[in-house]
Amino acid sequence: MAVVWIPALLQPLTQGRRQVVVQGDTIRQVIQALEGAYPGIAARLCSQAGGLKHEIVVAVDGEVKQERLRAQVKAESEVHFLSALHGG
């Protein structure tokens, strides 16, 4: 199962856990598993339209994934949800 690192702003939803272990073959499935265990987390990561919020970037095994919700996750993967940097 994948290890998901939980950003500080979402840790109140995970009872303060900095990382959790969930199953999923894609980021979409990982978020669904997170939502099942920690209700409300999906609303903080995904827009009402169902996609990952624009201000959220997902990295799997240290690589930012352009596929976003469709990005593949392996059983031994580490997943990080990060704030996207904007500016110039």
Protein backbone atom coordinates (compact mmCIF):
# COMPACT_ATOMS: atom_id res chain seq x y z
CA MET A 1 0.00 0.00 0.00
CA ALA A 2 1.15 3.52 -0.74
CA VAL A 3 2.39 5.93 1.91
CA VAL A 4 0.69 9.32 1.66
CA TRP A 5 2.37 12.30 3.30
CA ILE A 6 -0.29 14.60 4.70
CA PRO A 7 0.29 18.37 4.48
CA ALA A 8 0.13 20.23 7.81
CA LEU A 9 -3.14 21.97 6.88
CA LEU A 10 -4.84 18.59 6.34
CA GLN A 11 -3.46 16.85 9.42
CA PRO A 12 -6.46 17.84 11.62
CA LEU A 13 -8.53 15.60 9.32
CA THR A 14 -6.16 12.66 9.91
CA GLN A 15 -6.07 13.04 13.69
CA GLY A 16 -2.63 14.66 13.41
CA ARG A 17 -1.04 11.90 11.37
CA ARG A 18 1.73 13.13 9.11
CA GLN A 19 1.57 10.06 6.92
CA VAL A 20 -1.01 7.37 6.31
CA VAL A 21 -1.06 4.15 4.32
CA VAL A 22 -3.82 3.57 1.77
CA GLN A 23 -4.45 1.40 -1.24
CA GLY A 24 -4.98 2.65 -4.78
CA ASP A 25 -3.61 2.19 -8.26
CA THR A 26 -4.16 5.83 -9.25
CA ILE A 27 -4.21 9.14 -7.41
CA ARG A 28 -8.01 9.19 -7.83
CA GLN A 29 -8.24 5.85 -5.99
CA VAL A 30 -5.80 7.04 -3.32
CA ILE A 31 -7.99 10.11 -2.67
CA GLN A 32 -11.10 7.89 -2.54
CA ALA A 33 -9.38 5.67 0.04
CA LEU A 34 -8.32 8.73 2.03
CA GLU A 35 -11.89 10.04 1.96
CA GLY A 36 -13.19 6.69 3.23
CA ALA A 37 -10.81 6.80 6.18
CA TYR A 38 -10.79 10.57 6.76
CA PRO A 39 -14.05 12.19 5.63
CA GLY A 40 -13.64 15.70 4.25
CA ILE A 41 -10.15 15.29 2.86
CA ALA A 42 -11.34 14.86 -0.75
CA ALA A 43 -13.12 18.23 -0.64
CA ARG A 44 -9.85 19.86 0.38
CA LEU A 45 -7.94 18.23 -2.50
CA CYS A 46 -10.50 18.14 -5.31
CA SER A 47 -12.73 20.75 -6.93
CA GLN A 48 -16.50 20.39 -7.15
CA ALA A 49 -16.01 19.44 -10.80
CA GLY A 50 -14.14 16.35 -9.60
CA GLY A 51 -10.60 17.22 -10.63
CA LEU A 52 -7.62 17.96 -8.45
CA LYS A 53 -7.72 21.61 -7.37
CA HIS A 54 -5.50 23.86 -9.50
CA GLU A 55 -3.49 24.94 -6.46
CA ILE A 56 -2.60 21.32 -5.63
CA VAL A 57 0.28 19.42 -7.21
CA VAL A 58 0.77 15.70 -6.69
CA ALA A 59 4.15 13.99 -6.60
CA VAL A 60 4.59 10.23 -6.72
CA ASP A 61 7.98 8.88 -5.71
CA GLY A 62 9.49 12.36 -5.92
CA GLU A 63 8.19 13.14 -9.41
CA VAL A 64 5.47 15.73 -10.04
CA LYS A 65 2.78 14.05 -12.07
CA GLN A 66 1.15 15.93 -14.94
CA GLU A 67 -1.48 13.17 -15.19
CA ARG A 68 -2.82 14.39 -11.82
CA LEU A 69 -5.74 12.08 -10.83
CA ARG A 70 -4.82 9.52 -13.49
CA ALA A 71 -1.22 9.20 -12.26
CA GLN A 72 -0.26 5.62 -11.48
CA VAL A 73 0.63 4.60 -7.94
CA LYS A 74 2.54 1.45 -7.00
CA ALA A 75 2.10 -0.47 -3.77
CA GLU A 76 5.43 0.85 -2.47
CA SER A 77 4.96 4.45 -3.69
CA GLU A 78 5.20 7.63 -1.65
CA VAL A 79 2.57 10.23 -2.50
CA HIS A 80 2.83 13.93 -1.64
CA PHE A 81 0.14 16.58 -2.10
CA LEU A 82 1.83 19.97 -2.41
CA SER A 83 0.76 23.55 -2.90
CA ALA A 84 1.51 24.74 -6.42
CA LEU A 85 3.85 27.72 -6.61
CA HIS A 86 2.66 30.67 -8.65
CA GLY A 87 4.23 33.96 -9.43
CA GLY A 88 6.87 35.45 -11.57
